[in-house]
PDB file of N, CA and C in Angstrom:
ATOM      1  N   MET A   1      40.006  27.438 -42.024  1.00  0.00           N
ATOM      2  CA  MET A   1      40.970  28.487 -41.974  1.00  0.00           C
ATOM      3  C   MET A   1      40.956  29.202 -40.636  1.00  0.00           C
ATOM      4  N   THR A   2      40.320  28.613 -39.651  1.00  0.00           N
ATOM      5  CA  THR A   2      40.290  29.237 -38.334  1.00  0.00           C
ATOM      6  C   THR A   2      41.564  28.894 -37.595  1.00  0.00           C
ATOM      7  N   PRO A   3      42.361  29.892 -37.275  1.00  0.00           N
ATOM      8  CA  PRO A   3      43.599  29.600 -36.562  1.00  0.00           C
ATOM      9  C   PRO A   3      43.315  29.312 -35.102  1.00  0.00           C
ATOM     10  N   SER A   4      44.167  28.529 -34.496  1.00  0.00           N
ATOM     11  CA  SER A   4      44.028  28.269 -33.069  1.00  0.00           C
ATOM     12  C   SER A   4      45.164  28.979 -32.351  1.00  0.00           C
ATOM     13  N   ALA A   5      44.929  29.303 -31.108  1.00  0.00           N
ATOM     14  CA  ALA A   5      45.938  30.029 -30.334  1.00  0.00           C
ATOM     15  C   ALA A   5      46.570  29.082 -29.321  1.00  0.00           C
ATOM     16  N   GLN A   6      47.878  29.155 -29.186  1.00  0.00           N
ATOM     17  CA  GLN A   6      48.590  28.331 -28.223  1.00  0.00           C
ATOM     18  C   GLN A   6      49.559  29.218 -27.449  1.00  0.00           C
ATOM     19  N   LEU A   7      49.677  28.927 -26.178  1.00  0.00           N
ATOM     20  CA  LEU A   7      50.656  29.627 -25.348  1.00  0.00           C
ATOM     21  C   LEU A   7      51.990  28.918 -25.440  1.00  0.00           C
ATOM     22  N   PRO A   8      53.082  29.667 -25.472  1.00  0.00           N
ATOM     23  CA  PRO A   8      54.367  28.993 -25.447  1.00  0.00           C
ATOM     24  C   PRO A   8      54.554  28.281 -24.114  1.00  0.00           C
ATOM     25  N   GLU A   9      55.239  27.161 -24.150  1.00  0.00           N
ATOM     26  CA  GLU A   9      55.413  26.369 -22.933  1.00  0.00           C
ATOM     27  C   GLU A   9      56.347  27.039 -21.927  1.00  0.00           C
ATOM     28  N   GLN A  10      57.286  27.821 -22.389  1.00  0.00           N
ATOM     29  CA  GLN A  10      58.241  28.445 -21.486  1.00  0.00           C
ATOM     30  C   GLN A  10      58.401  29.914 -21.857  1.00  0.00           C
ATOM     31  N   GLY A  11      58.963  30.677 -20.979  1.00  0.00           N
ATOM     32  CA  GLY A  11      59.302  32.058 -21.267  1.00  0.00           C
ATOM     33  C   GLY A  11      58.543  33.017 -20.382  1.00  0.00           C
ATOM     34  N   PRO A  12      59.180  34.106 -20.030  1.00  0.00           N
ATOM     35  CA  PRO A  12      58.536  35.080 -19.164  1.00  0.00           C
ATOM     36  C   PRO A  12      57.467  35.868 -19.904  1.00  0.00           C
ATOM     37  N   ASP A  13      57.632  36.065 -21.204  1.00  0.00           N
ATOM     38  CA  ASP A  13      56.626  36.801 -21.978  1.00  0.00           C
ATOM     39  C   ASP A  13      55.686  35.794 -22.630  1.00  0.00           C
ATOM     40  N   ALA A  14      54.549  35.621 -22.030  1.00  0.00           N
ATOM     41  CA  ALA A  14      53.574  34.668 -22.557  1.00  0.00           C
ATOM     42  C   ALA A  14      52.736  35.380 -23.612  1.00  0.00           C
ATOM     43  N   LYS A  15      53.052  35.163 -24.845  1.00  0.00           N
ATOM     44  CA  LYS A  15      52.306  35.755 -25.960  1.00  0.00           C
ATOM     45  C   LYS A  15      51.618  34.635 -26.727  1.00  0.00           C
ATOM     46  N   LEU A  16      50.517  34.995 -27.343  1.00  0.00           N
ATOM     47  CA  LEU A  16      49.792  34.021 -28.144  1.00  0.00           C
ATOM     48  C   LEU A  16      50.469  33.860 -29.497  1.00  0.00           C
ATOM     49  N   ARG A  17      50.511  32.657 -29.926  1.00  0.00           N
ATOM     50  CA  ARG A  17      51.077  32.362 -31.227  1.00  0.00           C
ATOM     51  C   ARG A  17      49.993  31.632 -32.011  1.00  0.00           C
ATOM     52  N   VAL A  18      49.803  32.006 -33.261  1.00  0.00           N
ATOM     53  CA  VAL A  18      48.734  31.463 -34.095  1.00  0.00           C
ATOM     54  C   VAL A  18      49.257  30.281 -34.884  1.00  0.00           C
ATOM     55  N   VAL A  19      48.529  29.163 -34.774  1.00  0.00           N
ATOM     56  CA  VAL A  19      48.881  27.954 -35.510  1.00  0.00           C
ATOM     57  C   VAL A  19      47.686  27.598 -36.379  1.00  0.00           C
ATOM     58  N   SER A  20      47.901  27.480 -37.639  1.00  0.00           N
ATOM     59  CA  SER A  20      46.827  27.139 -38.564  1.00  0.00           C
ATOM     60  C   SER A  20      47.222  25.869 -39.308  1.00  0.00           C
ATOM     61  N   SER A  21      46.791  24.766 -38.806  1.00  0.00           N
ATOM     62  CA  SER A  21      47.105  23.494 -39.445  1.00  0.00           C
ATOM     63  C   SER A  21      45.860  22.981 -40.175  1.00  0.00           C
ATOM     64  N   PRO A  22      46.031  22.085 -41.120  1.00  0.00           N
ATOM     65  CA  PRO A  22      44.876  21.527 -41.823  1.00  0.00           C
ATOM     66  C   PRO A  22      43.905  20.826 -40.870  1.00  0.00           C
ATOM     67  N   ARG A  23      44.425  20.252 -39.827  1.00  0.00           N
ATOM     68  CA  ARG A  23      43.559  19.571 -38.864  1.00  0.00           C
ATOM     69  C   ARG A  23      42.672  20.573 -38.128  1.00  0.00           C
ATOM     70  N   CYS A  24      43.252  21.725 -37.766  1.00  0.00           N
ATOM     71  CA  CYS A  24      42.473  22.775 -37.101  1.00  0.00           C
ATOM     72  C   CYS A  24      41.407  23.332 -38.045  1.00  0.00           C
ATOM     73  N   GLN A  25      41.778  23.470 -39.305  1.00  0.00           N
ATOM     74  CA  GLN A  25      40.816  23.965 -40.277  1.00  0.00           C
ATOM     75  C   GLN A  25      39.671  22.978 -40.449  1.00  0.00           C
ATOM     76  N   LEU A  26      39.993  21.705 -40.457  1.00  0.00           N
ATOM     77  CA  LEU A  26      38.970  20.679 -40.592  1.00  0.00           C
ATOM     78  C   LEU A  26      38.035  20.685 -39.386  1.00  0.00           C
ATOM     79  N   ARG A  27      38.590  20.882 -38.197  1.00  0.00           N
ATOM     80  CA  ARG A  27      37.767  20.960 -36.979  1.00  0.00           C
ATOM     81  C   ARG A  27      36.793  22.130 -37.038  1.00  0.00           C
ATOM     82  N   ALA A  28      37.167  23.185 -37.687  1.00  0.00           N
ATOM     83  CA  ALA A  28      36.279  24.343 -37.799  1.00  0.00           C
ATOM     84  C   ALA A  28      35.252  24.157 -38.916  1.00  0.00           C
ATOM     85  N   LEU A  29      35.629  23.486 -39.981  1.00  0.00           N
ATOM     86  CA  LEU A  29      34.732  23.323 -41.109  1.00  0.00           C
ATOM     87  C   LEU A  29      33.616  22.328 -40.857  1.00  0.00           C
ATOM     88  N   ILE A  30      33.900  21.254 -40.186  1.00  0.00           N
ATOM     89  CA  ILE A  30      32.891  20.214 -39.969  1.00  0.00           C
ATOM     90  C   ILE A  30      31.676  20.758 -39.207  1.00  0.00           C
ATOM     91  N   PRO A  31      31.856  21.425 -38.072  1.00  0.00           N
ATOM     92  CA  PRO A  31      30.664  21.980 -37.405  1.00  0.00           C
ATOM     93  C   PRO A  31      29.940  23.024 -38.256  1.00  0.00           C
ATOM     94  N   SER A  32      30.699  23.779 -39.043  1.00  0.00           N
ATOM     95  CA  SER A  32      30.063  24.773 -39.908  1.00  0.00           C
ATOM     96  C   SER A  32      29.153  24.101 -40.921  1.00  0.00           C
ATOM     97  N   PHE A  33      29.634  23.040 -41.545  1.00  0.00           N
ATOM     98  CA  PHE A  33      28.809  22.325 -42.515  1.00  0.00           C
ATOM     99  C   PHE A  33      27.598  21.678 -41.855  1.00  0.00           C
ATOM    100  N   LEU A  34      27.763  21.168 -40.658  1.00  0.00           N
ATOM    101  CA  LEU A  34      26.636  20.558 -39.952  1.00  0.00           C
ATOM    102  C   LEU A  34      25.562  21.592 -39.621  1.00  0.00           C
ATOM    103  N   VAL A  35      25.978  22.778 -39.215  1.00  0.00           N
ATOM    104  CA  VAL A  35      25.021  23.843 -38.898  1.00  0.00           C
ATOM    105  C   VAL A  35      24.284  24.277 -40.162  1.00  0.00           C
ATOM    106  N   ILE A  36      25.013  24.423 -41.254  1.00  0.00           N
ATOM    107  CA  ILE A  36      24.377  24.819 -42.509  1.00  0.00           C
ATOM    108  C   ILE A  36      23.385  23.758 -42.971  1.00  0.00           C
ATOM    109  N   ALA A  37      23.760  22.498 -42.853  1.00  0.00           N
ATOM    110  CA  ALA A  37      22.869  21.410 -43.263  1.00  0.00           C
ATOM    111  C   ALA A  37      21.624  21.340 -42.380  1.00  0.00           C
ATOM    112  N   ALA A  38      21.792  21.613 -41.104  1.00  0.00           N
ATOM    113  CA  ALA A  38      20.648  21.564 -40.190  1.00  0.00           C
ATOM    114  C   ALA A  38      19.682  22.713 -40.437  1.00  0.00           C
ATOM    115  N   CYS A  39      20.189  23.831 -40.890  1.00  0.00           N
ATOM    116  CA  CYS A  39      19.332  24.999 -41.135  1.00  0.00           C
ATOM    117  C   CYS A  39      18.668  24.964 -42.500  1.00  0.00           C
ATOM    118  N   GLY A  40      19.111  24.091 -43.364  1.00  0.00           N
ATOM    119  CA  GLY A  40      18.552  24.019 -44.711  1.00  0.00           C
ATOM    120  C   GLY A  40      17.130  23.508 -44.692  1.00  0.00           C
ATOM    121  N   LYS A  41      16.369  23.885 -45.700  1.00  0.00           N
ATOM    122  CA  LYS A  41      14.983  23.462 -45.793  1.00  0.00           C
ATOM    123  C   LYS A  41      14.932  22.083 -46.435  1.00  0.00           C
ATOM    124  N   SER A  42      14.164  21.213 -45.859  1.00  0.00           N
ATOM    125  CA  SER A  42      14.021  19.876 -46.430  1.00  0.00           C
ATOM    126  C   SER A  42      12.545  19.555 -46.577  1.00  0.00           C
ATOM    127  N   GLY A  43      12.251  18.538 -47.325  1.00  0.00           N
ATOM    128  CA  GLY A  43      10.872  18.122 -47.513  1.00  0.00           C
ATOM    129  C   GLY A  43      10.248  18.837 -48.701  1.00  0.00           C
ATOM    130  N   SER A  44       9.003  18.498 -48.980  1.00  0.00           N
ATOM    131  CA  SER A  44       8.323  19.105 -50.113  1.00  0.00           C
ATOM    132  C   SER A  44       7.719  20.434 -49.710  1.00  0.00           C
ATOM    133  N   ASN A  45       7.375  21.195 -50.695  1.00  0.00           N
ATOM    134  CA  ASN A  45       6.837  22.525 -50.478  1.00  0.00           C
ATOM    135  C   ASN A  45       5.377  22.415 -50.018  1.00  0.00           C
ATOM    136  N   ASP A  46       5.089  22.889 -48.812  1.00  0.00           N
ATOM    137  CA  ASP A  46       3.734  22.807 -48.277  1.00  0.00           C
ATOM    138  C   ASP A  46       2.768  23.689 -49.058  1.00  0.00           C
ATOM    139  N   ALA A  47       3.228  24.821 -49.535  1.00  0.00           N
ATOM    140  CA  ALA A  47       2.361  25.725 -50.273  1.00  0.00           C
ATOM    141  C   ALA A  47       1.885  25.086 -51.575  1.00  0.00           C
ATOM    142  N   ALA A  48       2.742  24.334 -52.231  1.00  0.00           N
ATOM    143  CA  ALA A  48       2.351  23.683 -53.480  1.00  0.00           C
ATOM    144  C   ALA A  48       1.317  22.596 -53.220  1.00  0.00           C
ATOM    145  N   ARG A  49       1.456  21.885 -52.130  1.00  0.00           N
ATOM    146  CA  ARG A  49       0.474  20.838 -51.804  1.00  0.00           C
ATOM    147  C   ARG A  49      -0.857  21.453 -51.399  1.00  0.00           C
ATOM    148  N   ARG A  50      -0.806  22.550 -50.679  1.00  0.00           N
ATOM    149  CA  ARG A  50      -2.015  23.156 -50.146  1.00  0.00           C
ATOM    150  C   ARG A  50      -2.796  23.882 -51.237  1.00  0.00           C
ATOM    151  N   ASP A  51      -2.116  24.439 -52.233  1.00  0.00           N
ATOM    152  CA  ASP A  51      -2.749  25.250 -53.251  1.00  0.00           C
ATOM    153  C   ASP A  51      -3.104  24.386 -54.454  1.00  0.00           C
ATOM    154  N   THR A  52      -4.296  23.782 -54.423  1.00  0.00           N
ATOM    155  CA  THR A  52      -4.693  22.888 -55.502  1.00  0.00           C
ATOM    156  C   THR A  52      -5.763  23.504 -56.388  1.00  0.00           C
ATOM    157  N   LEU A  53      -6.236  24.704 -56.075  1.00  0.00           N
ATOM    158  CA  LEU A  53      -7.264  25.346 -56.887  1.00  0.00           C
ATOM    159  C   LEU A  53      -6.624  26.040 -58.081  1.00  0.00           C
ATOM    160  N   THR A  54      -7.348  26.052 -59.190  1.00  0.00           N
ATOM    161  CA  THR A  54      -6.869  26.767 -60.367  1.00  0.00           C
ATOM    162  C   THR A  54      -7.122  28.260 -60.186  1.00  0.00           C
ATOM    163  N   GLU A  55      -6.549  29.055 -61.068  1.00  0.00           N
ATOM    164  CA  GLU A  55      -6.755  30.505 -60.994  1.00  0.00           C
ATOM    165  C   GLU A  55      -8.225  30.851 -61.200  1.00  0.00           C
ATOM    166  N   ARG A  56      -8.870  30.128 -62.080  1.00  0.00           N
ATOM    167  CA  ARG A  56     -10.292  30.389 -62.337  1.00  0.00           C
ATOM    168  C   ARG A  56     -11.140  30.054 -61.103  1.00  0.00           C
ATOM    169  N   GLN A  57     -10.793  28.977 -60.411  1.00  0.00           N
ATOM    170  CA  GLN A  57     -11.529  28.633 -59.202  1.00  0.00           C
ATOM    171  C   GLN A  57     -11.329  29.689 -58.120  1.00  0.00           C
ATOM    172  N   HIS A  58     -10.096  30.200 -57.996  1.00  0.00           N
ATOM    173  CA  HIS A  58      -9.838  31.277 -57.035  1.00  0.00           C
ATOM    174  C   HIS A  58     -10.675  32.511 -57.377  1.00  0.00           C
ATOM    175  N   ASP A  59     -10.683  32.864 -58.668  1.00  0.00           N
ATOM    176  CA  ASP A  59     -11.438  34.041 -59.097  1.00  0.00           C
ATOM    177  C   ASP A  59     -12.936  33.852 -58.878  1.00  0.00           C
ATOM    178  N   SER A  60     -13.413  32.648 -59.106  1.00  0.00           N
ATOM    179  CA  SER A  60     -14.834  32.367 -58.907  1.00  0.00           C
ATOM    180  C   SER A  60     -15.219  32.498 -57.435  1.00  0.00           C
ATOM    181  N   ILE A  61     -14.383  31.986 -56.556  1.00  0.00           N
ATOM    182  CA  ILE A  61     -14.633  32.114 -55.113  1.00  0.00           C
ATOM    183  C   ILE A  61     -14.598  33.585 -54.713  1.00  0.00           C
ATOM    184  N   LEU A  62     -13.633  34.314 -55.243  1.00  0.00           N
ATOM    185  CA  LEU A  62     -13.525  35.737 -54.942  1.00  0.00           C
ATOM    186  C   LEU A  62     -14.747  36.494 -55.440  1.00  0.00           C
ATOM    187  N   ALA A  63     -15.242  36.165 -56.638  1.00  0.00           N
ATOM    188  CA  ALA A  63     -16.392  36.859 -57.217  1.00  0.00           C
ATOM    189  C   ALA A  63     -17.647  36.668 -56.371  1.00  0.00           C
ATOM    190  N   ARG A  64     -17.764  35.533 -55.697  1.00  0.00           N
ATOM    191  CA  ARG A  64     -18.937  35.261 -54.855  1.00  0.00           C
ATOM    192  C   ARG A  64     -18.792  35.789 -53.429  1.00  0.00           C
ATOM    193  N   SER A  65     -17.659  36.369 -53.104  1.00  0.00           N
ATOM    194  CA  SER A  65     -17.435  36.834 -51.733  1.00  0.00           C
ATOM    195  C   SER A  65     -18.008  38.231 -51.525  1.00  0.00           C
ATOM    196  N   GLN A  66     -17.984  38.679 -50.291  1.00  0.00           N
ATOM    197  CA  GLN A  66     -18.517  39.991 -49.925  1.00  0.00           C
ATOM    198  C   GLN A  66     -17.449  41.082 -49.923  1.00  0.00           C
ATOM    199  N   ILE A  67     -16.293  40.787 -50.460  1.00  0.00           N
ATOM    200  CA  ILE A  67     -15.200  41.754 -50.501  1.00  0.00           C
ATOM    201  C   ILE A  67     -15.562  42.873 -51.479  1.00  0.00           C
ATOM    202  N   PRO A  68     -15.291  44.133 -51.110  1.00  0.00           N
ATOM    203  CA  PRO A  68     -15.588  45.232 -52.039  1.00  0.00           C
ATOM    204  C   PRO A  68     -14.842  45.045 -53.370  1.00  0.00           C
ATOM    205  N   GLY A  69     -15.568  45.186 -54.461  1.00  0.00           N
ATOM    206  CA  GLY A  69     -14.979  45.017 -55.780  1.00  0.00           C
ATOM    207  C   GLY A  69     -14.994  43.587 -56.280  1.00  0.00           C
ATOM    208  N   ALA A  70     -15.524  42.663 -55.491  1.00  0.00           N
ATOM    209  CA  ALA A  70     -15.534  41.253 -55.893  1.00  0.00           C
ATOM    210  C   ALA A  70     -16.450  41.023 -57.090  1.00  0.00           C
ATOM    211  N   LYS A  71     -17.534  41.790 -57.170  1.00  0.00           N
ATOM    212  CA  LYS A  71     -18.459  41.625 -58.300  1.00  0.00           C
ATOM    213  C   LYS A  71     -17.788  41.997 -59.613  1.00  0.00           C
ATOM    214  N   ALA A  72     -16.831  42.917 -59.557  1.00  0.00           N
ATOM    215  CA  ALA A  72     -16.098  43.295 -60.774  1.00  0.00           C
ATOM    216  C   ALA A  72     -15.286  42.106 -61.290  1.00  0.00           C
ATOM    217  N   VAL A  73     -14.785  41.284 -60.387  1.00  0.00           N
ATOM    218  CA  VAL A  73     -14.047  40.090 -60.795  1.00  0.00           C
ATOM    219  C   VAL A  73     -14.988  39.153 -61.550  1.00  0.00           C
ATOM    220  N   GLY A  74     -16.211  39.000 -61.044  1.00  0.00           N
ATOM    221  CA  GLY A  74     -17.198  38.161 -61.722  1.00  0.00           C
ATOM    222  C   GLY A  74     -17.555  38.695 -63.090  1.00  0.00           C
ATOM    223  N   ARG A  75     -17.719  40.024 -63.192  1.00  0.00           N
ATOM    224  CA  ARG A  75     -18.033  40.622 -64.494  1.00  0.00           C
ATOM    225  C   ARG A  75     -16.861  40.457 -65.471  1.00  0.00           C
ATOM    226  N   ALA A  76     -15.645  40.582 -64.959  1.00  0.00           N
ATOM    227  CA  ALA A  76     -14.468  40.402 -65.816  1.00  0.00           C
ATOM    228  C   ALA A  76     -14.378  38.960 -66.315  1.00  0.00           C
ATOM    229  N   MET A  77     -14.717  38.007 -65.448  1.00  0.00           N
ATOM    230  CA  MET A  77     -14.707  36.606 -65.879  1.00  0.00           C
ATOM    231  C   MET A  77     -15.768  36.366 -66.948  1.00  0.00           C
ATOM    232  N   THR A  78     -16.944  36.974 -66.787  1.00  0.00           N
ATOM    233  CA  THR A  78     -18.005  36.835 -67.775  1.00  0.00           C
ATOM    234  C   THR A  78     -17.580  37.440 -69.106  1.00  0.00           C
ATOM    235  N   ALA A  79     -16.936  38.601 -69.059  1.00  0.00           N
ATOM    236  CA  ALA A  79     -16.466  39.250 -70.278  1.00  0.00           C
ATOM    237  C   ALA A  79     -15.385  38.404 -70.956  1.00  0.00           C
ATOM    238  N   ALA A  80     -14.494  37.831 -70.182  1.00  0.00           N
ATOM    239  CA  ALA A  80     -13.438  36.983 -70.752  1.00  0.00           C
ATOM    240  C   ALA A  80     -14.037  35.735 -71.388  1.00  0.00           C
ATOM    241  N   ASP A  81     -15.031  35.141 -70.741  1.00  0.00           N
ATOM    242  CA  ASP A  81     -15.698  33.964 -71.304  1.00  0.00           C
ATOM    243  C   ASP A  81     -16.413  34.317 -72.605  1.00  0.00           C
ATOM    244  N   SER A  82     -17.051  35.486 -72.618  1.00  0.00           N
ATOM    245  CA  SER A  82     -17.753  35.934 -73.814  1.00  0.00           C
ATOM    246  C   SER A  82     -16.780  36.150 -74.970  1.00  0.00           C
ATOM    247  N   MET A  83     -15.653  36.780 -74.677  1.00  0.00           N
ATOM    248  CA  MET A  83     -14.656  37.024 -75.726  1.00  0.00           C
ATOM    249  C   MET A  83     -14.062  35.703 -76.223  1.00  0.00           C
ATOM    250  N   SER A  84     -13.820  34.772 -75.335  1.00  0.00           N
ATOM    251  CA  SER A  84     -13.294  33.465 -75.746  1.00  0.00           C
ATOM    252  C   SER A  84     -14.283  32.746 -76.662  1.00  0.00           C
ATOM    253  N   ALA A  85     -15.564  32.853 -76.335  1.00  0.00           N
ATOM    254  CA  ALA A  85     -16.585  32.219 -77.174  1.00  0.00           C
ATOM    255  C   ALA A  85     -16.614  32.861 -78.559  1.00  0.00           C
ATOM    256  N   ARG A  86     -16.480  34.190 -78.616  1.00  0.00           N
ATOM    257  CA  ARG A  86     -16.455  34.872 -79.915  1.00  0.00           C
ATOM    258  C   ARG A  86     -15.231  34.459 -80.736  1.00  0.00           C
ATOM    259  N   VAL A  87     -14.091  34.344 -80.084  1.00  0.00           N
ATOM    260  CA  VAL A  87     -12.872  33.933 -80.791  1.00  0.00           C
ATOM    261  C   VAL A  87     -13.022  32.517 -81.318  1.00  0.00           C
ATOM    262  N   ARG A  88     -13.568  31.630 -80.509  1.00  0.00           N
ATOM    263  CA  ARG A  88     -13.779  30.252 -80.972  1.00  0.00           C
ATOM    264  C   ARG A  88     -14.749  30.211 -82.154  1.00  0.00           C
ATOM    265  N   ALA A  89     -15.802  31.032 -82.079  1.00  0.00           N
ATOM    266  CA  ALA A  89     -16.780  31.066 -83.171  1.00  0.00           C
ATOM    267  C   ALA A  89     -16.140  31.589 -84.448  1.00  0.00           C
ATOM    268  N   SER A  90     -15.331  32.624 -84.341  1.00  0.00           N
ATOM    269  CA  SER A  90     -14.691  33.167 -85.547  1.00  0.00           C
ATOM    270  C   SER A  90     -13.655  32.183 -86.093  1.00  0.00           C
ATOM    271  N   ASP A  91     -12.975  31.450 -85.221  1.00  0.00           N
ATOM    272  CA  ASP A  91     -12.029  30.431 -85.683  1.00  0.00           C
ATOM    273  C   ASP A  91     -12.751  29.312 -86.420  1.00  0.00           C
ATOM    274  N   THR A  92     -13.938  28.967 -85.940  1.00  0.00           N
ATOM    275  CA  THR A  92     -14.725  27.922 -86.597  1.00  0.00           C
ATOM    276  C   THR A  92     -15.164  28.388 -87.972  1.00  0.00           C
ATOM    277  N   VAL A  93     -15.627  29.635 -88.076  1.00  0.00           N
ATOM    278  CA  VAL A  93     -16.046  30.177 -89.369  1.00  0.00           C
ATOM    279  C   VAL A  93     -14.859  30.240 -90.312  1.00  0.00           C
ATOM    280  N   ARG A  94     -13.717  30.665 -89.818  1.00  0.00           N
ATOM    281  CA  ARG A  94     -12.519  30.784 -90.633  1.00  0.00           C
ATOM    282  C   ARG A  94     -12.069  29.411 -91.150  1.00  0.00           C
ATOM    283  N   SER A  95     -12.091  28.398 -90.289  1.00  0.00           N
ATOM    284  CA  SER A  95     -11.659  27.075 -90.724  1.00  0.00           C
ATOM    285  C   SER A  95     -12.647  26.464 -91.710  1.00  0.00           C
ATOM    286  N   ASP A  96     -13.946  26.861 -91.630  1.00  0.00           N
ATOM    287  CA  ASP A  96     -14.935  26.345 -92.576  1.00  0.00           C
ATOM    288  C   ASP A  96     -14.773  26.987 -93.945  1.00  0.00           C
ATOM    289  N   THR A  97     -14.272  28.220 -94.031  1.00  0.00           N
ATOM    290  CA  THR A  97     -14.180  28.923 -95.309  1.00  0.00           C
ATOM    291  C   THR A  97     -12.844  28.700 -96.011  1.00  0.00           C
ATOM    292  N   LEU A  98     -11.835  28.167 -95.318  1.00  0.00           N
ATOM    293  CA  LEU A  98     -10.538  27.916 -95.936  1.00  0.00           C
ATOM    294  C   LEU A  98     -10.598  26.688 -96.828  1.00  0.00           C
ATOM    295  N   PRO A  99      -9.894  26.734 -97.985  1.00  0.00           N
ATOM    296  CA  PRO A  99      -9.947  25.570 -98.888  1.00  0.00           C
ATOM    297  C   PRO A  99      -9.208  24.383 -98.347  1.00  0.00           C
TER     298      PRO A  99
END
């Protein structure tokens, strides 16, 4: 839809006249699409390939680090493991007592 400007071939008053033909529009669209395609992201996501550790592994590494508050992460993981063990034990007792 980009109009092109043409000067009249004759006349003392040279004014611009706008011509918008389908061919002119096509000339404007093709480079636009090429620029958009060139700027687009291609290939696989590098972050997904690089990040192969699980959340628990990340937390474990963090718990062993010297960052302030890191020991709290370790204690929270221990508490979560303890609670999971209790839930599993109660589920086992419950399944043993059901008819």
